């Protein structure tokens, strides 16, 4: 399997993990098992431990001192701000709303990658982003969910700010993937991130009543930590080594599809012609963006 195919498969798996995460994370927070910032602390702390353990099995690389500041910036935007705003927003809005709002991320990444990474914006990418965005908007306007958020407008705003933060993070780590193996810098991102979220999540973390956890609650927390954090944060950099940042970004359009399918399977949503059309638009958009133009190396 060539590196490009592996990268595309890795990206698809990232979106599957993120798509399922909307329902699992919201369940844990809204059912009162763990507070938003407490779950963020467990998420970052648990993944941090895993990254440092797995990092022991990889050859150590010499890190340039100036890059530690880049690691810190990646932790600020990709770990602390990104995760705290995501979980707080998800607490207040619905899983489907949240998954659709993040479809603004590919557009932000497309613009940022053009400005900061000098990536070429092709007609195929523009068409792909447009189709995917149309599919996302269709789900936003006409898609429905039986789950109701406490404050949908505020929650949606937090998710939107989360999308901006995540877009900046993707641009930051794109440069790092050209210099280091993902385990080299991701473990530092999460170490910095842990201390950044610690003041916000400490109180909620120590108040958790573990004896009240059901099997599903344990499963949900473990999925958030291992699948939606450790798994996604290692697969994304691996994909970025072979694909452009804008290509990685457009895969986010798959999240509303995956989140919607999972919601339907869990009985909190239903199939409709609108959702089918929206999903087709999104998949077509992803195909156009990932299609490699002729004569492009």
C-alpha atoms as a PDB file:
ATOM      1  CA  UNK A   1       0.000   0.000   0.000  1.00  0.00           C
ATOM      2  CA  UNK A   2       1.477   3.350  -1.012  1.00  0.00           C
ATOM      3  CA  UNK A   3       1.715   6.247   1.435  1.00  0.00           C
ATOM      4  CA  UNK A   4      -1.117   8.224  -0.172  1.00  0.00           C
ATOM      5  CA  UNK A   5      -3.610   5.346   0.114  1.00  0.00           C
ATOM      6  CA  UNK A   6      -2.552   4.731   3.713  1.00  0.00           C
ATOM      7  CA  UNK A   7      -3.028   8.440   4.477  1.00  0.00           C
ATOM      8  CA  UNK A   8      -6.546   8.440   3.010  1.00  0.00           C
ATOM      9  CA  UNK A   9      -7.503   5.329   5.008  1.00  0.00           C
ATOM     10  CA  UNK A  10      -6.048   6.917   8.163  1.00  0.00           C
ATOM     11  CA  UNK A  11      -8.064  10.078   7.552  1.00  0.00           C
ATOM     12  CA  UNK A  12     -11.247   8.095   7.065  1.00  0.00           C
ATOM     13  CA  UNK A  13     -10.643   6.302  10.376  1.00  0.00           C
ATOM     14  CA  UNK A  14     -10.112   9.669  12.078  1.00  0.00           C
ATOM     15  CA  UNK A  15     -13.508  10.861  10.909  1.00  0.00           C
ATOM     16  CA  UNK A  16     -15.153   7.592  12.029  1.00  0.00           C
ATOM     17  CA  UNK A  17     -13.685   8.028  15.510  1.00  0.00           C
ATOM     18  CA  UNK A  18     -14.675  11.702  15.670  1.00  0.00           C
ATOM     19  CA  UNK A  19     -18.130  10.954  14.278  1.00  0.00           C
ATOM     20  CA  UNK A  20     -18.849   8.411  17.029  1.00  0.00           C
ATOM     21  CA  UNK A  21     -17.346  10.703  19.646  1.00  0.00           C
ATOM     22  CA  UNK A  22     -20.204  13.227  19.413  1.00  0.00           C
ATOM     23  CA  UNK A  23     -22.690  10.773  20.895  1.00  0.00           C
ATOM     24  CA  UNK A  24     -20.365   9.154  23.446  1.00  0.00           C
ATOM     25  CA  UNK A  25     -18.945  12.415  24.821  1.00  0.00           C
ATOM     26  CA  UNK A  26     -22.357  14.080  25.057  1.00  0.00           C
ATOM     27  CA  UNK A  27     -23.745  11.086  26.956  1.00  0.00           C
ATOM     28  CA  UNK A  28     -20.989  11.237  29.589  1.00  0.00           C
ATOM     29  CA  UNK A  29     -21.383  14.978  30.156  1.00  0.00           C
ATOM     30  CA  UNK A  30     -25.171  15.322  29.933  1.00  0.00           C
ATOM     31  CA  UNK A  31     -25.834  12.314  32.148  1.00  0.00           C
ATOM     32  CA  UNK A  32     -23.714  13.930  34.848  1.00  0.00           C
ATOM     33  CA  UNK A  33     -20.942  11.341  35.056  1.00  0.00           C
ATOM     34  CA  UNK A  34     -18.138  13.843  34.415  1.00  0.00           C
ATOM     35  CA  UNK A  35     -18.154  17.639  34.013  1.00  0.00           C
ATOM     36  CA  UNK A  36     -17.059  19.137  30.701  1.00  0.00           C
ATOM     37  CA  UNK A  37     -13.642  20.336  31.832  1.00  0.00           C
ATOM     38  CA  UNK A  38     -13.125  17.255  33.996  1.00  0.00           C
ATOM     39  CA  UNK A  39     -13.637  15.041  30.948  1.00  0.00           C
ATOM     40  CA  UNK A  40     -11.227  17.258  29.015  1.00  0.00           C
ATOM     41  CA  UNK A  41      -8.594  16.722  31.713  1.00  0.00           C
ATOM     42  CA  UNK A  42      -9.106  12.925  31.648  1.00  0.00           C
ATOM     43  CA  UNK A  43      -9.039  13.001  27.859  1.00  0.00           C
ATOM     44  CA  UNK A  44      -5.776  14.932  27.652  1.00  0.00           C
ATOM     45  CA  UNK A  45      -4.121  13.240  30.640  1.00  0.00           C
ATOM     46  CA  UNK A  46      -5.006   9.707  29.534  1.00  0.00           C
ATOM     47  CA  UNK A  47      -3.854  10.273  25.961  1.00  0.00           C
ATOM     48  CA  UNK A  48      -0.673  11.967  27.227  1.00  0.00           C
ATOM     49  CA  UNK A  49       0.286   8.863  29.209  1.00  0.00           C
ATOM     50  CA  UNK A  50      -0.358   6.639  26.175  1.00  0.00           C
ATOM     51  CA  UNK A  51       1.704   8.853  23.859  1.00  0.00           C
ATOM     52  CA  UNK A  52       4.695   8.875  26.204  1.00  0.00           C
ATOM     53  CA  UNK A  53       4.520   5.096  26.693  1.00  0.00           C
ATOM     54  CA  UNK A  54       4.314   4.373  22.966  1.00  0.00           C
ATOM     55  CA  UNK A  55       7.015   6.956  22.322  1.00  0.00           C
ATOM     56  CA  UNK A  56       9.480   4.724  24.191  1.00  0.00           C
ATOM     57  CA  UNK A  57       9.323   2.212  21.334  1.00  0.00           C
ATOM     58  CA  UNK A  58      10.388   4.711  18.676  1.00  0.00           C
ATOM     59  CA  UNK A  59      13.832   6.039  17.946  1.00  0.00           C
ATOM     60  CA  UNK A  60      14.489   9.284  19.779  1.00  0.00           C
ATOM     61  CA  UNK A  61      14.902  12.325  17.579  1.00  0.00           C
ATOM     62  CA  UNK A  62      16.868  15.461  18.393  1.00  0.00           C
ATOM     63  CA  UNK A  63      14.433  18.348  18.808  1.00  0.00           C
ATOM     64  CA  UNK A  64      15.495  21.861  17.898  1.00  0.00           C
ATOM     65  CA  UNK A  65      15.047  24.168  20.878  1.00  0.00           C
ATOM     66  CA  UNK A  66      13.061  26.685  18.824  1.00  0.00           C
ATOM     67  CA  UNK A  67      10.489  23.984  18.006  1.00  0.00           C
ATOM     68  CA  UNK A  68       9.415  23.598  21.634  1.00  0.00           C
ATOM     69  CA  UNK A  69       7.567  26.912  21.296  1.00  0.00           C
ATOM     70  CA  UNK A  70       5.818  25.517  18.209  1.00  0.00           C
ATOM     71  CA  UNK A  71       4.875  22.458  20.299  1.00  0.00           C
ATOM     72  CA  UNK A  72       3.413  24.794  22.909  1.00  0.00           C
ATOM     73  CA  UNK A  73       1.374  26.702  20.298  1.00  0.00           C
ATOM     74  CA  UNK A  74       0.097  23.387  18.951  1.00  0.00           C
ATOM     75  CA  UNK A  75      -0.960  22.454  22.489  1.00  0.00           C
ATOM     76  CA  UNK A  76      -2.771  25.770  22.966  1.00  0.00           C
ATOM     77  CA  UNK A  77      -4.825  25.557  19.758  1.00  0.00           C
ATOM     78  CA  UNK A  78      -5.020  21.799  19.155  1.00  0.00           C
ATOM     79  CA  UNK A  79      -5.388  20.495  22.695  1.00  0.00           C
ATOM     80  CA  UNK A  80      -6.485  23.073  25.297  1.00  0.00           C
ATOM     81  CA  UNK A  81      -8.735  25.522  23.408  1.00  0.00           C
ATOM     82  CA  UNK A  82      -9.884  22.951  20.863  1.00  0.00           C
ATOM     83  CA  UNK A  83     -10.963  20.263  23.341  1.00  0.00           C
ATOM     84  CA  UNK A  84     -12.444  22.498  26.036  1.00  0.00           C
ATOM     85  CA  UNK A  85     -14.577  24.438  23.552  1.00  0.00           C
ATOM     86  CA  UNK A  86     -15.635  21.244  21.778  1.00  0.00           C
ATOM     87  CA  UNK A  87     -16.887  19.453  24.883  1.00  0.00           C
ATOM     88  CA  UNK A  88     -18.492  22.588  26.347  1.00  0.00           C
ATOM     89  CA  UNK A  89     -20.227  23.274  23.053  1.00  0.00           C
ATOM     90  CA  UNK A  90     -21.338  19.659  22.733  1.00  0.00           C
ATOM     91  CA  UNK A  91     -22.835  19.842  26.224  1.00  0.00           C
ATOM     92  CA  UNK A  92     -25.074  22.705  25.094  1.00  0.00           C
ATOM     93  CA  UNK A  93     -25.953  21.691  21.538  1.00  0.00           C
ATOM     94  CA  UNK A  94     -26.910  18.462  19.751  1.00  0.00           C
ATOM     95  CA  UNK A  95     -24.466  15.919  18.277  1.00  0.00           C
ATOM     96  CA  UNK A  96     -25.731  16.498  14.737  1.00  0.00           C
ATOM     97  CA  UNK A  97     -25.520  20.301  15.038  1.00  0.00           C
ATOM     98  CA  UNK A  98     -21.991  20.053  16.399  1.00  0.00           C
ATOM     99  CA  UNK A  99     -20.815  17.646  13.708  1.00  0.00           C
ATOM    100  CA  UNK A 100     -22.214  19.853  10.960  1.00  0.00           C
ATOM    101  CA  UNK A 101     -20.781  23.128  12.278  1.00  0.00           C
ATOM    102  CA  UNK A 102     -17.255  21.714  12.083  1.00  0.00           C
ATOM    103  CA  UNK A 103     -17.709  21.544   8.295  1.00  0.00           C
ATOM    104  CA  UNK A 104     -16.537  25.165   8.270  1.00  0.00           C
ATOM    105  CA  UNK A 105     -13.078  23.814   9.193  1.00  0.00           C
ATOM    106  CA  UNK A 106     -12.040  22.703   5.653  1.00  0.00           C
ATOM    107  CA  UNK A 107     -12.710  26.189   4.324  1.00  0.00           C
ATOM    108  CA  UNK A 108     -10.619  27.753   7.080  1.00  0.00           C
ATOM    109  CA  UNK A 109      -7.821  25.240   6.465  1.00  0.00           C
ATOM    110  CA  UNK A 110      -7.980  25.851   2.713  1.00  0.00           C
ATOM    111  CA  UNK A 111      -7.482  29.597   3.241  1.00  0.00           C
ATOM    112  CA  UNK A 112      -4.823  29.220   5.955  1.00  0.00           C
ATOM    113  CA  UNK A 113      -2.855  26.591   4.028  1.00  0.00           C
ATOM    114  CA  UNK A 114      -2.809  28.867   0.984  1.00  0.00           C
ATOM    115  CA  UNK A 115      -1.511  31.805   3.048  1.00  0.00           C
ATOM    116  CA  UNK A 116       0.928  30.058   5.419  1.00  0.00           C
ATOM    117  CA  UNK A 117       1.898  26.874   3.544  1.00  0.00           C
ATOM    118  CA  UNK A 118       1.696  28.224  -0.015  1.00  0.00           C
ATOM    119  CA  UNK A 119      -0.517  25.334  -1.070  1.00  0.00           C
ATOM    120  CA  UNK A 120      -2.052  25.606  -4.511  1.00  0.00           C
ATOM    121  CA  UNK A 121      -5.853  25.945  -4.500  1.00  0.00           C
ATOM    122  CA  UNK A 122      -7.023  23.965  -7.525  1.00  0.00           C
ATOM    123  CA  UNK A 123     -10.407  24.076  -9.196  1.00  0.00           C
ATOM    124  CA  UNK A 124     -11.061  20.509  -8.015  1.00  0.00           C
ATOM    125  CA  UNK A 125     -10.457  21.526  -4.406  1.00  0.00           C
ATOM    126  CA  UNK A 126     -12.701  24.562  -4.717  1.00  0.00           C
ATOM    127  CA  UNK A 127     -15.461  22.425  -6.230  1.00  0.00           C
ATOM    128  CA  UNK A 128     -14.987  19.734  -3.593  1.00  0.00           C
ATOM    129  CA  UNK A 129     -15.078  22.212  -0.706  1.00  0.00           C
ATOM    130  CA  UNK A 130     -18.188  23.868  -2.169  1.00  0.00           C
ATOM    131  CA  UNK A 131     -20.095  20.584  -2.588  1.00  0.00           C
ATOM    132  CA  UNK A 132     -19.128  19.394   0.859  1.00  0.00           C
ATOM    133  CA  UNK A 133     -20.122  22.720   2.380  1.00  0.00           C
ATOM    134  CA  UNK A 134     -23.503  22.563   0.604  1.00  0.00           C
ATOM    135  CA  UNK A 135     -24.066  19.109   2.071  1.00  0.00           C
ATOM    136  CA  UNK A 136     -23.176  20.368   5.534  1.00  0.00           C
ATOM    137  CA  UNK A 137     -25.501  23.366   5.225  1.00  0.00           C
ATOM    138  CA  UNK A 138     -28.315  21.093   4.029  1.00  0.00           C
ATOM    139  CA  UNK A 139     -27.945  18.986   7.168  1.00  0.00           C
ATOM    140  CA  UNK A 140     -27.792  22.107   9.328  1.00  0.00           C
ATOM    141  CA  UNK A 141     -30.950  23.704   7.935  1.00  0.00           C
ATOM    142  CA  UNK A 142     -33.140  20.659   7.341  1.00  0.00           C
ATOM    143  CA  UNK A 143     -31.576  17.902   9.458  1.00  0.00           C
ATOM    144  CA  UNK A 144     -33.345  17.076  12.694  1.00  0.00           C
ATOM    145  CA  UNK A 145     -32.418  15.259  15.906  1.00  0.00           C
ATOM    146  CA  UNK A 146     -34.556  14.100  18.797  1.00  0.00           C
ATOM    147  CA  UNK A 147     -31.912  15.265  21.282  1.00  0.00           C
ATOM    148  CA  UNK A 148     -32.283  18.856  22.469  1.00  0.00           C
ATOM    149  CA  UNK A 149     -29.396  20.971  23.740  1.00  0.00           C
ATOM    150  CA  UNK A 150     -29.684  23.236  26.780  1.00  0.00           C
ATOM    151  CA  UNK A 151     -28.495  26.326  24.885  1.00  0.00           C
ATOM    152  CA  UNK A 152     -28.093  25.487  21.211  1.00  0.00           C
ATOM    153  CA  UNK A 153     -26.983  28.972  20.103  1.00  0.00           C
ATOM    154  CA  UNK A 154     -24.207  29.235  22.686  1.00  0.00           C
ATOM    155  CA  UNK A 155     -23.189  25.626  22.108  1.00  0.00           C
ATOM    156  CA  UNK A 156     -23.010  26.168  18.350  1.00  0.00           C
ATOM    157  CA  UNK A 157     -20.853  29.263  18.934  1.00  0.00           C
ATOM    158  CA  UNK A 158     -18.397  27.262  21.049  1.00  0.00           C
ATOM    159  CA  UNK A 159     -18.216  24.566  18.360  1.00  0.00           C
ATOM    160  CA  UNK A 160     -17.557  27.231  15.714  1.00  0.00           C
ATOM    161  CA  UNK A 161     -14.688  28.699  17.781  1.00  0.00           C
ATOM    162  CA  UNK A 162     -13.427  25.138  18.247  1.00  0.00           C
ATOM    163  CA  UNK A 163     -13.345  24.742  14.450  1.00  0.00           C
ATOM    164  CA  UNK A 164     -11.212  27.885  14.111  1.00  0.00           C
ATOM    165  CA  UNK A 165      -8.795  26.644  16.774  1.00  0.00           C
ATOM    166  CA  UNK A 166      -8.535  23.192  15.176  1.00  0.00           C
ATOM    167  CA  UNK A 167      -7.836  24.743  11.754  1.00  0.00           C
ATOM    168  CA  UNK A 168      -4.907  26.695  13.191  1.00  0.00           C
ATOM    169  CA  UNK A 169      -3.645  23.503  14.835  1.00  0.00           C
ATOM    170  CA  UNK A 170      -3.637  21.602  11.520  1.00  0.00           C
ATOM    171  CA  UNK A 171      -1.494  24.324   9.923  1.00  0.00           C
ATOM    172  CA  UNK A 172       0.922  24.270  12.868  1.00  0.00           C
ATOM    173  CA  UNK A 173       1.489  20.497  12.873  1.00  0.00           C
ATOM    174  CA  UNK A 174       1.748  20.303   9.076  1.00  0.00           C
ATOM    175  CA  UNK A 175       5.151  21.976   9.391  1.00  0.00           C
ATOM    176  CA  UNK A 176       6.155  19.647  12.231  1.00  0.00           C
ATOM    177  CA  UNK A 177       5.334  16.482  10.277  1.00  0.00           C
ATOM    178  CA  UNK A 178       8.021  17.399   7.759  1.00  0.00           C
ATOM    179  CA  UNK A 179      10.679  17.351  10.515  1.00  0.00           C
ATOM    180  CA  UNK A 180       9.634  14.783  13.107  1.00  0.00           C
ATOM    181  CA  UNK A 181       7.844  11.492  13.600  1.00  0.00           C
ATOM    182  CA  UNK A 182       4.363  12.140  15.080  1.00  0.00           C
ATOM    183  CA  UNK A 183       5.224  10.473  18.408  1.00  0.00           C
ATOM    184  CA  UNK A 184       8.139  12.884  18.793  1.00  0.00           C
ATOM    185  CA  UNK A 185       6.008  16.016  18.947  1.00  0.00           C
ATOM    186  CA  UNK A 186       2.515  14.758  19.826  1.00  0.00           C
ATOM    187  CA  UNK A 187       3.666  13.582  23.256  1.00  0.00           C
ATOM    188  CA  UNK A 188       5.002  17.079  23.943  1.00  0.00           C
ATOM    189  CA  UNK A 189       1.795  18.690  22.677  1.00  0.00           C
ATOM    190  CA  UNK A 190      -0.214  16.643  25.158  1.00  0.00           C
ATOM    191  CA  UNK A 191       2.204  17.193  28.021  1.00  0.00           C
ATOM    192  CA  UNK A 192       1.919  20.955  27.527  1.00  0.00           C
ATOM    193  CA  UNK A 193      -1.816  20.557  26.962  1.00  0.00           C
ATOM    194  CA  UNK A 194      -2.280  18.668  30.231  1.00  0.00           C
ATOM    195  CA  UNK A 195      -0.847  21.517  32.291  1.00  0.00           C
ATOM    196  CA  UNK A 196      -2.906  24.030  30.299  1.00  0.00           C
ATOM    197  CA  UNK A 197      -6.228  22.292  31.064  1.00  0.00           C
ATOM    198  CA  UNK A 198      -5.331  21.212  34.616  1.00  0.00           C
ATOM    199  CA  UNK A 199      -6.494  24.472  36.311  1.00  0.00           C
ATOM    200  CA  UNK A 200      -9.859  24.251  34.511  1.00  0.00           C
ATOM    201  CA  UNK A 201     -10.604  20.555  35.017  1.00  0.00           C
ATOM    202  CA  UNK A 202      -9.048  19.683  38.381  1.00  0.00           C
ATOM    203  CA  UNK A 203     -12.103  20.462  40.550  1.00  0.00           C
ATOM    204  CA  UNK A 204     -14.535  18.560  38.322  1.00  0.00           C
ATOM    205  CA  UNK A 205     -12.107  15.638  38.033  1.00  0.00           C
ATOM    206  CA  UNK A 206     -11.788  15.042  41.779  1.00  0.00           C
ATOM    207  CA  UNK A 207     -15.579  15.262  42.217  1.00  0.00           C
ATOM    208  CA  UNK A 208     -16.268  12.303  39.886  1.00  0.00           C
ATOM    209  CA  UNK A 209     -18.160   9.454  41.595  1.00  0.00           C
ATOM    210  CA  UNK A 210     -16.644   6.456  39.827  1.00  0.00           C
ATOM    211  CA  UNK A 211     -18.865   3.969  41.668  1.00  0.00           C
ATOM    212  CA  UNK A 212     -21.922   5.336  39.827  1.00  0.00           C
ATOM    213  CA  UNK A 213     -20.524   4.503  36.384  1.00  0.00           C
ATOM    214  CA  UNK A 214     -22.455   2.023  34.253  1.00  0.00           C
ATOM    215  CA  UNK A 215     -20.731  -0.221  31.715  1.00  0.00           C
ATOM    216  CA  UNK A 216     -21.830   2.130  28.928  1.00  0.00           C
ATOM    217  CA  UNK A 217     -20.441   5.126  30.821  1.00  0.00           C
ATOM    218  CA  UNK A 218     -17.047   3.402  31.181  1.00  0.00           C
ATOM    219  CA  UNK A 219     -17.118   2.465  27.499  1.00  0.00           C
ATOM    220  CA  UNK A 220     -17.914   6.052  26.543  1.00  0.00           C
ATOM    221  CA  UNK A 221     -15.081   7.537  28.621  1.00  0.00           C
ATOM    222  CA  UNK A 222     -12.566   4.993  27.337  1.00  0.00           C
ATOM    223  CA  UNK A 223     -13.650   5.666  23.758  1.00  0.00           C
ATOM    224  CA  UNK A 224     -13.227   9.431  24.218  1.00  0.00           C
ATOM    225  CA  UNK A 225      -9.707   8.959  25.631  1.00  0.00           C
ATOM    226  CA  UNK A 226      -8.360   6.093  23.519  1.00  0.00           C
ATOM    227  CA  UNK A 227     -10.323   6.304  20.272  1.00  0.00           C
ATOM    228  CA  UNK A 228     -11.299   9.936  19.798  1.00  0.00           C
ATOM    229  CA  UNK A 229      -8.082  11.350  21.293  1.00  0.00           C
ATOM    230  CA  UNK A 230      -5.106   8.975  21.191  1.00  0.00           C
ATOM    231  CA  UNK A 231      -6.216   7.378  17.918  1.00  0.00           C
ATOM    232  CA  UNK A 232      -7.136  10.537  16.054  1.00  0.00           C
ATOM    233  CA  UNK A 233      -4.162  12.604  17.181  1.00  0.00           C
ATOM    234  CA  UNK A 234      -1.692   9.980  15.939  1.00  0.00           C
ATOM    235  CA  UNK A 235      -3.474   9.214  12.655  1.00  0.00           C
ATOM    236  CA  UNK A 236      -3.889  12.866  11.613  1.00  0.00           C
ATOM    237  CA  UNK A 237      -0.140  13.696  11.625  1.00  0.00           C
ATOM    238  CA  UNK A 238       0.623  10.440   9.797  1.00  0.00           C
ATOM    239  CA  UNK A 239      -1.830  11.481   7.076  1.00  0.00           C
ATOM    240  CA  UNK A 240      -0.371  14.986   6.931  1.00  0.00           C
ATOM    241  CA  UNK A 241       3.016  13.534   6.014  1.00  0.00           C
ATOM    242  CA  UNK A 242       1.606  12.434   2.640  1.00  0.00           C
ATOM    243  CA  UNK A 243      -1.308  14.809   1.989  1.00  0.00           C
ATOM    244  CA  UNK A 244      -1.815  18.550   1.832  1.00  0.00           C
ATOM    245  CA  UNK A 245      -3.394  20.276   4.827  1.00  0.00           C
ATOM    246  CA  UNK A 246      -6.373  21.328   2.702  1.00  0.00           C
ATOM    247  CA  UNK A 247      -6.968  17.699   1.685  1.00  0.00           C
ATOM    248  CA  UNK A 248      -6.860  16.577   5.316  1.00  0.00           C
ATOM    249  CA  UNK A 249      -9.314  19.335   6.207  1.00  0.00           C
ATOM    250  CA  UNK A 250     -11.976  18.365   3.697  1.00  0.00           C
ATOM    251  CA  UNK A 251     -12.326  14.893   5.224  1.00  0.00           C
ATOM    252  CA  UNK A 252     -14.047  16.634   8.128  1.00  0.00           C
ATOM    253  CA  UNK A 253     -17.105  16.794   5.875  1.00  0.00           C
ATOM    254  CA  UNK A 254     -17.530  13.077   6.584  1.00  0.00           C
ATOM    255  CA  UNK A 255     -18.187  13.685  10.278  1.00  0.00           C
ATOM    256  CA  UNK A 256     -21.861  14.738   9.928  1.00  0.00           C
ATOM    257  CA  UNK A 257     -22.477  11.629   7.824  1.00  0.00           C
ATOM    258  CA  UNK A 258     -20.856   9.292  10.334  1.00  0.00           C
ATOM    259  CA  UNK A 259     -22.398  11.070  13.321  1.00  0.00           C
ATOM    260  CA  UNK A 260     -25.806  10.913  11.637  1.00  0.00           C
ATOM    261  CA  UNK A 261     -25.525   7.208  10.783  1.00  0.00           C
ATOM    262  CA  UNK A 262     -24.483   6.404  14.361  1.00  0.00           C
ATOM    263  CA  UNK A 263     -27.315   8.537  15.764  1.00  0.00           C
ATOM    264  CA  UNK A 264     -29.762   6.639  13.548  1.00  0.00           C
ATOM    265  CA  UNK A 265     -28.361   3.293  14.735  1.00  0.00           C
ATOM    266  CA  UNK A 266     -28.777   4.441  18.345  1.00  0.00           C
ATOM    267  CA  UNK A 267     -32.395   5.438  17.685  1.00  0.00           C
ATOM    268  CA  UNK A 268     -31.959   9.190  18.069  1.00  0.00           C
ATOM    269  CA  UNK A 269     -32.383  10.080  14.398  1.00  0.00           C
ATOM    270  CA  UNK A 270     -34.145   8.842  11.262  1.00  0.00           C
ATOM    271  CA  UNK A 271     -33.242   8.423   7.597  1.00  0.00           C
ATOM    272  CA  UNK A 272     -34.689  11.017   5.220  1.00  0.00           C
ATOM    273  CA  UNK A 273     -34.201  12.053   1.551  1.00  0.00           C
ATOM    274  CA  UNK A 274     -32.568  15.290   2.741  1.00  0.00           C
ATOM    275  CA  UNK A 275     -29.922  13.405   4.708  1.00  0.00           C
ATOM    276  CA  UNK A 276     -29.221  11.058   1.794  1.00  0.00           C
ATOM    277  CA  UNK A 277     -28.756  13.981  -0.624  1.00  0.00           C
ATOM    278  CA  UNK A 278     -26.547  15.807   1.862  1.00  0.00           C
ATOM    279  CA  UNK A 279     -24.364  12.728   2.373  1.00  0.00           C
ATOM    280  CA  UNK A 280     -23.965  12.256  -1.385  1.00  0.00           C
ATOM    281  CA  UNK A 281     -22.854  15.880  -1.739  1.00  0.00           C
ATOM    282  CA  UNK A 282     -20.340  15.447   1.066  1.00  0.00           C
ATOM    283  CA  UNK A 283     -18.860  12.217  -0.310  1.00  0.00           C
ATOM    284  CA  UNK A 284     -18.595  13.769  -3.787  1.00  0.00           C
ATOM    285  CA  UNK A 285     -16.821  16.780  -2.312  1.00  0.00           C
ATOM    286  CA  UNK A 286     -14.315  14.568  -0.509  1.00  0.00           C
ATOM    287  CA  UNK A 287     -13.658  12.603  -3.707  1.00  0.00           C
ATOM    288  CA  UNK A 288     -12.939  15.747  -5.741  1.00  0.00           C
ATOM    289  CA  UNK A 289     -10.559  17.173  -3.164  1.00  0.00           C
ATOM    290  CA  UNK A 290      -8.608  13.917  -2.785  1.00  0.00           C
ATOM    291  CA  UNK A 291      -8.418  13.316  -6.540  1.00  0.00           C
ATOM    292  CA  UNK A 292      -4.832  13.934  -7.551  1.00  0.00           C
ATOM    293  CA  UNK A 293      -4.555  16.340 -10.536  1.00  0.00           C
ATOM    294  CA  UNK A 294      -2.535  15.205 -13.550  1.00  0.00           C
ATOM    295  CA  UNK A 295       1.107  16.273 -13.689  1.00  0.00           C
ATOM    296  CA  UNK A 296       1.101  16.970  -9.947  1.00  0.00           C
ATOM    297  CA  UNK A 297       3.962  15.416  -8.015  1.00  0.00           C
END
